[in-house]
Amino acid sequence: MKIYPLLDKAAIHLDVALGDKAEAMDCVAGVLHSLGLGINKETLLAGLLAREAVMSTGIGCGVAIPHAAFPGLSRPAAAVVRPKVPLDFGALDACPVFVLLAVVCPAGLKNRHIQILAALARLCANPGFMAAVRETRNPSALLETIRSIEEQMAFH
């Protein structure tokens, strides 16, 4: 499973001025809504926040992976939102989050949802990805870096 086919440069927002976790989640919902997935922004936000209420998706090392499943969603999709300033996200390691890697999936595709989350975890374990997501200034360049890294990874 690879992440880059789920991404589009329009779903990569870098150095976004966000004041807090609530604004970040609203931004993520807006980015995902803009992809034309057949779900309105309010529903996306509500689903992401409901998942977040169970346990923070701040997995540590400055990364959050907000995710949720939705009935009626047209396809799986991903988004990257990098706040201009790292945010308190209630992460497991208490470190501020410098990137949100969001995933939404149709409700009936639980295995696919888990595969996408596993692929994101593998990507986050790659030092080249972590450097690129921190430093890249151009969405197209970041998407190309993700594609290149994933093409070189042993497990897809």
Protein backbone atom coordinates (compact mmCIF):
# COMPACT_ATOMS: atom_id res chain seq x y z
CA MET A 1 0.00 0.00 0.00
CA LYS A 2 1.31 3.40 -0.98
CA ILE A 3 0.15 6.82 0.19
CA TYR A 4 1.11 8.96 -2.79
CA PRO A 5 -1.74 7.72 -5.04
CA LEU A 6 -4.19 8.97 -2.37
CA LEU A 7 -2.62 12.42 -2.38
CA ASP A 8 -2.90 15.31 -4.76
CA LYS A 9 -0.84 18.49 -4.58
CA ALA A 10 -4.13 20.29 -3.79
CA ALA A 11 -4.32 18.19 -0.61
CA ILE A 12 -0.90 19.35 0.62
CA HIS A 13 -0.97 22.62 2.57
CA LEU A 14 2.33 23.86 3.95
CA ASP A 15 3.05 26.53 6.56
CA VAL A 16 -0.61 27.19 7.36
CA ALA A 17 -1.32 29.79 10.05
CA LEU A 18 -3.23 27.80 12.67
CA GLY A 19 -3.76 28.83 16.28
CA ASP A 20 -4.67 25.53 17.89
CA LYS A 21 -5.78 21.93 17.44
CA ALA A 22 -9.39 22.94 16.72
CA GLU A 23 -8.30 25.20 13.87
CA ALA A 24 -6.02 22.46 12.55
CA MET A 25 -8.85 19.92 12.49
CA ASP A 26 -11.12 22.44 10.78
CA CYS A 27 -8.41 23.06 8.18
CA VAL A 28 -7.96 19.33 7.58
CA ALA A 29 -11.72 18.89 7.10
CA GLY A 30 -11.73 21.79 4.64
CA VAL A 31 -8.82 20.40 2.64
CA LEU A 32 -10.45 16.98 2.46
CA HIS A 33 -13.80 18.50 1.50
CA SER A 34 -12.13 20.39 -1.35
CA LEU A 35 -11.18 17.05 -2.92
CA GLY A 36 -14.80 16.34 -3.90
CA LEU A 37 -15.30 13.19 -1.86
CA GLY A 38 -19.07 13.49 -1.65
CA ILE A 39 -19.14 14.43 2.05
CA ASN A 40 -19.65 17.96 3.36
CA LYS A 41 -17.03 19.68 5.49
CA GLU A 42 -19.16 19.62 8.66
CA THR A 43 -19.60 15.83 8.44
CA LEU A 44 -15.88 15.34 7.82
CA LEU A 45 -15.01 17.55 10.78
CA ALA A 46 -17.51 15.82 13.07
CA GLY A 47 -16.13 12.39 12.16
CA LEU A 48 -12.52 13.44 12.63
CA LEU A 49 -13.33 15.07 15.98
CA ALA A 50 -15.29 12.01 17.15
CA ARG A 51 -12.24 9.84 16.45
CA GLU A 52 -9.99 12.40 18.13
CA ALA A 53 -12.21 12.31 21.24
CA VAL A 54 -11.44 8.59 21.67
CA MET A 55 -7.69 9.27 21.86
CA SER A 56 -5.38 11.86 20.40
CA THR A 57 -4.10 11.02 16.95
CA GLY A 58 -0.87 12.81 17.88
CA ILE A 59 1.32 9.70 17.60
CA GLY A 60 4.53 11.38 18.75
CA CYS A 61 7.66 12.84 17.17
CA GLY A 62 5.67 15.85 15.95
CA VAL A 63 3.18 13.85 13.87
CA ALA A 64 -0.60 13.58 14.08
CA ILE A 65 -2.65 11.22 11.93
CA PRO A 66 -6.28 12.32 12.15
CA HIS A 67 -8.42 9.66 10.51
CA ALA A 68 -11.98 8.45 10.26
CA ALA A 69 -14.31 6.31 8.16
CA PHE A 70 -17.47 7.67 6.56
CA PRO A 71 -20.49 6.05 4.95
CA GLY A 72 -21.04 7.53 1.51
CA LEU A 73 -17.43 8.61 1.03
CA SER A 74 -16.56 8.16 -2.64
CA ARG A 75 -12.97 6.93 -2.14
CA PRO A 76 -10.08 6.86 0.34
CA ALA A 77 -8.10 10.09 0.45
CA ALA A 78 -5.24 11.67 2.33
CA ALA A 79 -4.12 15.20 3.11
CA VAL A 80 -0.99 16.81 4.53
CA VAL A 81 -1.29 19.97 6.60
CA ARG A 82 1.86 21.51 8.05
CA PRO A 83 1.16 24.31 10.53
CA LYS A 84 3.43 27.34 10.37
CA VAL A 85 4.08 26.84 14.09
CA PRO A 86 3.90 23.41 15.79
CA LEU A 87 0.71 22.87 17.79
CA ASP A 88 -0.19 21.24 21.07
CA PHE A 89 -2.17 18.20 19.98
CA GLY A 90 -2.24 16.18 23.18
CA ALA A 91 0.28 13.83 21.57
CA LEU A 92 1.38 10.66 23.32
CA ASP A 93 4.89 12.07 23.86
CA ALA A 94 3.58 15.58 24.70
CA CYS A 95 5.62 17.06 21.81
CA PRO A 96 3.99 19.70 19.61
CA VAL A 97 2.76 18.52 16.20
CA PHE A 98 4.50 19.93 13.13
CA VAL A 99 2.53 17.91 10.55
CA LEU A 100 -0.93 16.40 10.25
CA LEU A 101 -1.26 13.45 7.91
CA ALA A 102 -4.99 12.97 7.57
CA VAL A 103 -6.81 9.96 6.14
CA VAL A 104 -10.46 9.33 5.38
CA CYS A 105 -11.86 6.08 4.07
CA PRO A 106 -15.29 4.74 3.10
CA ALA A 107 -16.89 3.04 6.12
CA GLY A 108 -17.02 -0.38 4.46
CA LEU A 109 -13.27 -0.54 3.83
CA LYS A 110 -11.87 -1.26 7.32
CA ASN A 111 -8.97 -3.37 6.03
CA ARG A 112 -8.00 -0.67 3.54
CA HIS A 113 -8.20 1.96 6.28
CA ILE A 114 -5.82 -0.07 8.45
CA GLN A 115 -3.47 -0.64 5.51
CA ILE A 116 -3.34 3.11 4.84
CA LEU A 117 -2.56 3.84 8.51
CA ALA A 118 0.19 1.20 8.44
CA ALA A 119 1.63 2.74 5.27
CA LEU A 120 1.67 6.16 6.96
CA ALA A 121 3.46 4.67 9.97
CA ARG A 122 6.10 3.15 7.67
CA LEU A 123 6.50 6.47 5.90
CA CYS A 124 6.93 8.30 9.22
CA ALA A 125 9.69 5.86 10.17
CA ASN A 126 11.66 7.00 7.13
CA PRO A 127 14.14 9.79 8.02
CA GLY A 128 14.02 11.14 4.47
CA PHE A 129 10.27 11.60 4.69
CA MET A 130 10.46 13.29 8.07
CA ALA A 131 13.10 15.72 6.79
CA ALA A 132 11.11 16.44 3.63
CA VAL A 133 7.85 17.03 5.45
CA ARG A 134 9.62 19.50 7.76
CA GLU A 135 11.61 21.36 5.11
CA THR A 136 9.92 21.17 1.70
CA ARG A 137 8.30 24.46 0.68
CA ASN A 138 6.40 23.29 -2.40
CA PRO A 139 3.44 20.83 -2.39
CA SER A 140 4.43 19.34 -5.77
CA ALA A 141 7.97 18.73 -4.54
CA LEU A 142 6.71 17.08 -1.35
CA LEU A 143 4.37 14.83 -3.32
CA GLU A 144 7.24 13.82 -5.61
CA THR A 145 9.46 13.12 -2.58
CA ILE A 146 6.76 10.92 -1.04
CA ARG A 147 6.36 9.04 -4.34
CA SER A 148 10.12 8.54 -4.64
CA ILE A 149 10.50 7.32 -1.05
CA GLU A 150 7.59 4.92 -1.37
CA GLU A 151 8.91 3.52 -4.65
CA GLN A 152 12.18 2.70 -2.88
CA MET A 153 10.57 1.05 0.14
CA ALA A 154 10.70 -2.74 0.30
CA PHE A 155 7.13 -3.28 1.52
CA HIS A 156 4.21 -1.78 -0.36
